[in-house]
Amino acid sequence: MSLLFFGKDPNTDDDHCPTVWVDDENADLVLQGWKADDATQQKCLEVGSIPDTEAVIRIPARMVPQIRKACDAAEHSAELR
């Protein structure tokens, strides 16, 4: 697996940053974020369960430009398949 790095949250320290990558083998987005609080998780549960293999995370809105670039790269990679 090879991950293409697209950026870290510019407003946090280097050890605790939400981060965005794209897996260049399958064009999946890979996101590291803050664990959602109980209230957020409860709200998310209103539309379905959260399996043990999944997690609700928060990515700050200030990272939209990095996520947009990652989405564009993933979409382009998927089109080439």
N, C-alpha and C. Protein backbone atom coordinates (compact mmCIF):
# COMPACT_ATOMS: atom_id res chain seq x y z
N MET A 1 0.85 -1.18 0.00
CA MET A 1 0.00 0.00 0.00
C MET A 1 0.89 1.23 0.00
N SER A 2 0.47 2.21 -0.76
CA SER A 2 1.19 3.48 -0.79
C SER A 2 0.18 4.60 -0.55
N LEU A 3 0.42 5.42 0.46
CA LEU A 3 -0.48 6.52 0.78
C LEU A 3 0.12 7.84 0.30
N LEU A 4 -0.70 8.58 -0.43
CA LEU A 4 -0.29 9.91 -0.87
C LEU A 4 -0.77 10.92 0.18
N PHE A 5 0.13 11.65 0.76
CA PHE A 5 -0.17 12.62 1.81
C PHE A 5 -0.71 13.91 1.21
N PHE A 6 -1.84 14.40 1.77
CA PHE A 6 -2.42 15.65 1.29
C PHE A 6 -2.42 16.76 2.32
N GLY A 7 -2.22 16.46 3.57
CA GLY A 7 -2.10 17.54 4.53
C GLY A 7 -2.57 17.21 5.92
N LYS A 8 -2.05 18.00 6.86
CA LYS A 8 -2.46 17.95 8.26
C LYS A 8 -3.19 19.23 8.59
N ASP A 9 -3.99 19.16 9.63
CA ASP A 9 -4.68 20.35 10.13
C ASP A 9 -3.63 21.42 10.43
N PRO A 10 -3.70 22.55 9.78
CA PRO A 10 -2.68 23.58 9.99
C PRO A 10 -2.72 24.24 11.36
N ASN A 11 -3.77 24.02 12.13
CA ASN A 11 -3.90 24.69 13.43
C ASN A 11 -3.66 23.78 14.62
N THR A 12 -3.07 22.61 14.41
CA THR A 12 -2.77 21.74 15.54
C THR A 12 -1.30 21.35 15.51
N ASP A 13 -0.83 20.78 16.62
CA ASP A 13 0.58 20.40 16.68
C ASP A 13 0.83 19.15 15.83
N ASP A 14 2.09 18.84 15.59
CA ASP A 14 2.44 17.73 14.71
C ASP A 14 2.08 16.36 15.27
N ASP A 15 1.84 16.23 16.56
CA ASP A 15 1.55 14.93 17.15
C ASP A 15 0.07 14.59 17.21
N HIS A 16 -0.81 15.55 17.07
CA HIS A 16 -2.24 15.30 17.26
C HIS A 16 -3.06 15.94 16.16
N CYS A 17 -2.69 15.68 14.92
CA CYS A 17 -3.31 16.38 13.80
C CYS A 17 -4.26 15.49 13.01
N PRO A 18 -5.47 15.98 12.75
CA PRO A 18 -6.24 15.33 11.70
C PRO A 18 -5.43 15.39 10.41
N THR A 19 -5.46 14.31 9.65
CA THR A 19 -4.61 14.18 8.48
C THR A 19 -5.40 13.54 7.34
N VAL A 20 -5.02 13.85 6.10
CA VAL A 20 -5.70 13.33 4.92
C VAL A 20 -4.68 12.67 3.99
N TRP A 21 -5.00 11.44 3.55
CA TRP A 21 -4.21 10.72 2.56
C TRP A 21 -5.16 10.12 1.52
N VAL A 22 -4.58 9.69 0.40
CA VAL A 22 -5.29 8.86 -0.58
C VAL A 22 -4.45 7.61 -0.81
N ASP A 23 -5.10 6.45 -0.75
CA ASP A 23 -4.44 5.19 -1.07
C ASP A 23 -4.33 5.12 -2.59
N ASP A 24 -3.11 5.14 -3.12
CA ASP A 24 -2.98 5.21 -4.57
C ASP A 24 -3.21 3.87 -5.26
N GLU A 25 -3.43 2.80 -4.51
CA GLU A 25 -3.75 1.51 -5.11
C GLU A 25 -5.24 1.38 -5.43
N ASN A 26 -6.09 1.95 -4.57
CA ASN A 26 -7.54 1.79 -4.79
C ASN A 26 -8.31 3.11 -4.74
N ALA A 27 -7.63 4.23 -4.58
CA ALA A 27 -8.21 5.58 -4.56
C ALA A 27 -9.07 5.85 -3.33
N ASP A 28 -8.96 5.04 -2.29
CA ASP A 28 -9.69 5.30 -1.05
C ASP A 28 -9.11 6.52 -0.34
N LEU A 29 -9.98 7.30 0.28
CA LEU A 29 -9.54 8.36 1.17
C LEU A 29 -9.20 7.73 2.51
N VAL A 30 -8.12 8.15 3.11
CA VAL A 30 -7.74 7.70 4.45
C VAL A 30 -7.68 8.95 5.32
N LEU A 31 -8.50 8.96 6.37
CA LEU A 31 -8.62 10.15 7.22
C LEU A 31 -8.28 9.81 8.66
N GLN A 32 -7.49 10.65 9.28
CA GLN A 32 -7.24 10.59 10.71
C GLN A 32 -7.93 11.81 11.30
N GLY A 33 -8.75 11.60 12.31
CA GLY A 33 -9.45 12.73 12.91
C GLY A 33 -9.64 12.53 14.40
N TRP A 34 -10.26 13.52 15.00
CA TRP A 34 -10.56 13.43 16.42
C TRP A 34 -11.75 12.51 16.64
N LYS A 35 -11.70 11.69 17.66
CA LYS A 35 -12.83 10.83 17.99
C LYS A 35 -14.03 11.72 18.31
N ALA A 36 -15.17 11.32 17.79
CA ALA A 36 -16.39 12.08 18.04
C ALA A 36 -16.81 11.93 19.50
N ASP A 37 -17.39 12.98 20.06
CA ASP A 37 -17.89 12.91 21.42
C ASP A 37 -19.20 12.11 21.45
N ASP A 38 -19.66 11.80 22.64
CA ASP A 38 -20.86 10.97 22.79
C ASP A 38 -22.08 11.60 22.12
N ALA A 39 -22.25 12.90 22.24
CA ALA A 39 -23.41 13.56 21.64
C ALA A 39 -23.40 13.42 20.12
N THR A 40 -22.22 13.57 19.52
CA THR A 40 -22.10 13.42 18.07
C THR A 40 -22.39 11.99 17.66
N GLN A 41 -21.84 11.04 18.39
CA GLN A 41 -22.09 9.64 18.07
C GLN A 41 -23.57 9.29 18.19
N GLN A 42 -24.22 9.80 19.23
CA GLN A 42 -25.65 9.54 19.40
C GLN A 42 -26.44 10.09 18.23
N LYS A 43 -26.10 11.28 17.76
CA LYS A 43 -26.79 11.88 16.62
C LYS A 43 -26.57 11.02 15.37
N CYS A 44 -25.36 10.53 15.18
CA CYS A 44 -25.06 9.68 14.03
C CYS A 44 -25.82 8.35 14.10
N LEU A 45 -26.04 7.85 15.29
CA LEU A 45 -26.77 6.59 15.46
C LEU A 45 -28.23 6.70 15.06
N GLU A 46 -28.73 7.92 14.89
CA GLU A 46 -30.12 8.10 14.47
C GLU A 46 -30.36 7.57 13.07
N VAL A 47 -29.32 7.45 12.26
CA VAL A 47 -29.49 6.95 10.89
C VAL A 47 -28.96 5.54 10.69
N GLY A 48 -28.43 4.93 11.73
CA GLY A 48 -27.95 3.56 11.63
C GLY A 48 -26.89 3.27 12.66
N SER A 49 -26.55 1.98 12.75
CA SER A 49 -25.56 1.57 13.75
C SER A 49 -24.15 1.94 13.30
N ILE A 50 -23.23 1.91 14.25
CA ILE A 50 -21.81 2.13 13.99
C ILE A 50 -21.12 0.81 14.34
N PRO A 51 -20.75 0.01 13.34
CA PRO A 51 -20.11 -1.27 13.61
C PRO A 51 -18.80 -1.09 14.37
N ASP A 52 -18.39 -2.15 15.06
CA ASP A 52 -17.13 -2.10 15.80
C ASP A 52 -15.94 -1.83 14.90
N THR A 53 -16.07 -2.12 13.61
CA THR A 53 -14.97 -1.91 12.67
C THR A 53 -14.94 -0.49 12.12
N GLU A 54 -15.86 0.37 12.57
CA GLU A 54 -15.94 1.75 12.09
C GLU A 54 -15.92 2.72 13.26
N ALA A 55 -15.67 4.00 12.94
CA ALA A 55 -15.66 5.04 13.96
C ALA A 55 -16.18 6.33 13.36
N VAL A 56 -16.79 7.14 14.19
CA VAL A 56 -17.18 8.49 13.79
C VAL A 56 -16.04 9.41 14.21
N ILE A 57 -15.53 10.18 13.25
CA ILE A 57 -14.44 11.11 13.55
C ILE A 57 -14.84 12.50 13.09
N ARG A 58 -14.15 13.48 13.64
CA ARG A 58 -14.36 14.88 13.22
C ARG A 58 -13.10 15.37 12.52
N ILE A 59 -13.33 16.05 11.40
CA ILE A 59 -12.27 16.71 10.65
C ILE A 59 -12.65 18.19 10.62
N PRO A 60 -11.77 19.10 11.03
CA PRO A 60 -12.14 20.51 11.06
C PRO A 60 -12.42 21.07 9.66
N ALA A 61 -13.38 21.99 9.59
CA ALA A 61 -13.76 22.61 8.32
C ALA A 61 -12.58 23.29 7.64
N ARG A 62 -11.61 23.74 8.40
CA ARG A 62 -10.45 24.42 7.79
C ARG A 62 -9.63 23.47 6.92
N MET A 63 -9.92 22.15 6.99
CA MET A 63 -9.21 21.18 6.17
C MET A 63 -9.92 20.88 4.86
N VAL A 64 -11.03 21.55 4.58
CA VAL A 64 -11.77 21.31 3.34
C VAL A 64 -10.87 21.42 2.10
N PRO A 65 -9.98 22.42 2.00
CA PRO A 65 -9.13 22.49 0.81
C PRO A 65 -8.26 21.24 0.63
N GLN A 66 -7.72 20.70 1.72
CA GLN A 66 -6.90 19.50 1.62
C GLN A 66 -7.74 18.29 1.25
N ILE A 67 -8.94 18.21 1.81
CA ILE A 67 -9.83 17.09 1.49
C ILE A 67 -10.28 17.19 0.04
N ARG A 68 -10.56 18.40 -0.42
CA ARG A 68 -10.97 18.60 -1.82
C ARG A 68 -9.87 18.13 -2.77
N LYS A 69 -8.62 18.48 -2.48
CA LYS A 69 -7.50 18.03 -3.32
C LYS A 69 -7.40 16.51 -3.30
N ALA A 70 -7.57 15.92 -2.12
CA ALA A 70 -7.51 14.46 -2.01
C ALA A 70 -8.65 13.81 -2.78
N CYS A 71 -9.85 14.39 -2.71
CA CYS A 71 -11.00 13.86 -3.45
C CYS A 71 -10.75 13.94 -4.95
N ASP A 72 -10.21 15.05 -5.41
CA ASP A 72 -9.90 15.20 -6.83
C ASP A 72 -8.89 14.15 -7.28
N ALA A 73 -7.86 13.93 -6.47
CA ALA A 73 -6.84 12.93 -6.82
C ALA A 73 -7.44 11.53 -6.82
N ALA A 74 -8.28 11.23 -5.83
CA ALA A 74 -8.91 9.92 -5.76
C ALA A 74 -9.83 9.70 -6.96
N GLU A 75 -10.59 10.72 -7.31
CA GLU A 75 -11.50 10.61 -8.45
C GLU A 75 -10.71 10.39 -9.74
N HIS A 76 -9.64 11.13 -9.90
CA HIS A 76 -8.80 10.98 -11.10
C HIS A 76 -8.19 9.57 -11.15
N SER A 77 -7.72 9.09 -10.03
CA SER A 77 -7.13 7.76 -9.97
C SER A 77 -8.17 6.68 -10.30
N ALA A 78 -9.38 6.85 -9.79
CA ALA A 78 -10.44 5.88 -10.05
C ALA A 78 -10.82 5.88 -11.53
N GLU A 79 -10.79 7.04 -12.18
CA GLU A 79 -11.12 7.14 -13.60
C GLU A 79 -10.09 6.41 -14.46
N LEU A 80 -8.86 6.35 -13.98
CA LEU A 80 -7.80 5.70 -14.74
C LEU A 80 -7.86 4.18 -14.64
N ARG A 81 -8.69 3.68 -13.76
CA ARG A 81 -8.78 2.21 -13.57
C ARG A 81 -9.68 1.58 -14.57
